[in-house]
């Protein structure tokens, strides 16, 4: 199963993620912010409330979340683009 087991918040809305199988990647969340409940996450202090949920996804204090399977898809896309 694709569970996030470790995260590190980096600069410019980037987050490093490590999955339970050892796969790791960096995702930039800025494109997902700015609308609806995600708008307030553009404030750095609020963005830093990111945490791992019990099911292996990630979420912020306001309930905005990403499931682990979608994070894996985003991560694999990033790894492919880095190879080119």
C-alpha atoms as a PDB file:
ATOM      1  CA  UNK A   1       0.000   0.000   0.000  1.00  0.00           C
ATOM      2  CA  UNK A   2       1.169   3.561  -0.681  1.00  0.00           C
ATOM      3  CA  UNK A   3       1.457   5.119   2.758  1.00  0.00           C
ATOM      4  CA  UNK A   4       3.458   8.231   3.501  1.00  0.00           C
ATOM      5  CA  UNK A   5       5.680   7.540   6.503  1.00  0.00           C
ATOM      6  CA  UNK A   6       7.830  10.667   6.617  1.00  0.00           C
ATOM      7  CA  UNK A   7       7.580  14.265   5.412  1.00  0.00           C
ATOM      8  CA  UNK A   8       9.781  17.322   5.432  1.00  0.00           C
ATOM      9  CA  UNK A   9       8.466  20.768   4.605  1.00  0.00           C
ATOM     10  CA  UNK A  10      10.902  22.584   2.324  1.00  0.00           C
ATOM     11  CA  UNK A  11      10.962  26.099   0.857  1.00  0.00           C
ATOM     12  CA  UNK A  12       8.494  27.479  -1.700  1.00  0.00           C
ATOM     13  CA  UNK A  13       5.644  25.046  -0.836  1.00  0.00           C
ATOM     14  CA  UNK A  14       7.752  21.985  -1.621  1.00  0.00           C
ATOM     15  CA  UNK A  15       7.397  18.883   0.516  1.00  0.00           C
ATOM     16  CA  UNK A  16       9.664  15.853   0.572  1.00  0.00           C
ATOM     17  CA  UNK A  17       7.734  12.607   1.045  1.00  0.00           C
ATOM     18  CA  UNK A  18       8.885   9.096   1.869  1.00  0.00           C
ATOM     19  CA  UNK A  19       6.577   6.130   1.321  1.00  0.00           C
ATOM     20  CA  UNK A  20       6.433   2.871   3.247  1.00  0.00           C
ATOM     21  CA  UNK A  21       8.292   1.015   0.470  1.00  0.00           C
ATOM     22  CA  UNK A  22      11.246   3.431   0.619  1.00  0.00           C
ATOM     23  CA  UNK A  23      10.273   5.439  -2.472  1.00  0.00           C
ATOM     24  CA  UNK A  24      10.761   9.169  -1.937  1.00  0.00           C
ATOM     25  CA  UNK A  25      10.023  12.285  -3.918  1.00  0.00           C
ATOM     26  CA  UNK A  26       9.497  16.009  -3.683  1.00  0.00           C
ATOM     27  CA  UNK A  27       6.186  17.658  -4.600  1.00  0.00           C
ATOM     28  CA  UNK A  28       5.493  21.351  -5.070  1.00  0.00           C
ATOM     29  CA  UNK A  29       2.022  22.069  -3.659  1.00  0.00           C
ATOM     30  CA  UNK A  30       1.803  25.704  -4.770  1.00  0.00           C
ATOM     31  CA  UNK A  31      -0.372  24.844  -7.824  1.00  0.00           C
ATOM     32  CA  UNK A  32      -2.937  23.281  -5.463  1.00  0.00           C
ATOM     33  CA  UNK A  33      -3.155  26.325  -3.197  1.00  0.00           C
ATOM     34  CA  UNK A  34      -4.971  29.612  -3.629  1.00  0.00           C
ATOM     35  CA  UNK A  35      -8.631  28.560  -3.935  1.00  0.00           C
ATOM     36  CA  UNK A  36     -11.269  27.493  -1.446  1.00  0.00           C
ATOM     37  CA  UNK A  37      -9.988  26.141   1.858  1.00  0.00           C
ATOM     38  CA  UNK A  38      -6.500  25.833   0.381  1.00  0.00           C
ATOM     39  CA  UNK A  39      -6.181  29.612  -0.073  1.00  0.00           C
ATOM     40  CA  UNK A  40      -5.185  30.203   3.550  1.00  0.00           C
ATOM     41  CA  UNK A  41      -2.366  27.658   3.202  1.00  0.00           C
ATOM     42  CA  UNK A  42      -0.445  30.232   1.177  1.00  0.00           C
ATOM     43  CA  UNK A  43       0.396  31.706   4.582  1.00  0.00           C
ATOM     44  CA  UNK A  44       3.667  30.006   5.527  1.00  0.00           C
ATOM     45  CA  UNK A  45       2.696  29.346   9.165  1.00  0.00           C
ATOM     46  CA  UNK A  46      -0.507  27.630   8.090  1.00  0.00           C
ATOM     47  CA  UNK A  47       1.243  25.635   5.362  1.00  0.00           C
ATOM     48  CA  UNK A  48       3.621  24.306   8.011  1.00  0.00           C
ATOM     49  CA  UNK A  49       0.713  22.610   9.841  1.00  0.00           C
ATOM     50  CA  UNK A  50       1.076  19.728   7.376  1.00  0.00           C
ATOM     51  CA  UNK A  51       1.052  16.301   9.027  1.00  0.00           C
ATOM     52  CA  UNK A  52       0.685  12.615   8.163  1.00  0.00           C
ATOM     53  CA  UNK A  53      -2.789  11.156   8.641  1.00  0.00           C
ATOM     54  CA  UNK A  54      -3.335   7.665  10.159  1.00  0.00           C
ATOM     55  CA  UNK A  55      -4.249   6.254   6.719  1.00  0.00           C
ATOM     56  CA  UNK A  56      -0.941   7.355   5.202  1.00  0.00           C
ATOM     57  CA  UNK A  57      -2.099  10.512   3.464  1.00  0.00           C
ATOM     58  CA  UNK A  58      -1.240  14.069   4.393  1.00  0.00           C
ATOM     59  CA  UNK A  59      -3.433  16.889   5.688  1.00  0.00           C
ATOM     60  CA  UNK A  60      -3.338  20.399   7.035  1.00  0.00           C
ATOM     61  CA  UNK A  61      -5.021  21.752  10.149  1.00  0.00           C
ATOM     62  CA  UNK A  62      -8.079  22.912   8.161  1.00  0.00           C
ATOM     63  CA  UNK A  63      -8.873  19.478   6.697  1.00  0.00           C
ATOM     64  CA  UNK A  64      -7.360  20.010   3.246  1.00  0.00           C
ATOM     65  CA  UNK A  65      -5.802  16.659   2.412  1.00  0.00           C
ATOM     66  CA  UNK A  66      -4.267  14.380  -0.205  1.00  0.00           C
ATOM     67  CA  UNK A  67      -4.732  10.615  -0.216  1.00  0.00           C
ATOM     68  CA  UNK A  68      -1.587   8.464  -0.395  1.00  0.00           C
ATOM     69  CA  UNK A  69      -2.408   6.978  -3.804  1.00  0.00           C
ATOM     70  CA  UNK A  70      -2.702  10.409  -5.436  1.00  0.00           C
ATOM     71  CA  UNK A  71       0.523  11.516  -3.755  1.00  0.00           C
ATOM     72  CA  UNK A  72       2.257   8.470  -5.229  1.00  0.00           C
ATOM     73  CA  UNK A  73       0.983   9.327  -8.701  1.00  0.00           C
ATOM     74  CA  UNK A  74       2.220  12.908  -8.328  1.00  0.00           C
ATOM     75  CA  UNK A  75       5.546  11.641  -6.983  1.00  0.00           C
ATOM     76  CA  UNK A  76       6.128   9.203  -9.817  1.00  0.00           C
ATOM     77  CA  UNK A  77       5.372  11.937 -12.346  1.00  0.00           C
ATOM     78  CA  UNK A  78       7.987  14.120 -10.670  1.00  0.00           C
ATOM     79  CA  UNK A  79      10.602  11.351 -10.768  1.00  0.00           C
ATOM     80  CA  UNK A  80       9.965  10.824 -14.487  1.00  0.00           C
ATOM     81  CA  UNK A  81      10.281  14.525 -15.273  1.00  0.00           C
ATOM     82  CA  UNK A  82      13.529  14.718 -13.295  1.00  0.00           C
ATOM     83  CA  UNK A  83      15.040  11.949 -15.449  1.00  0.00           C
ATOM     84  CA  UNK A  84      14.485  13.899 -18.684  1.00  0.00           C
END
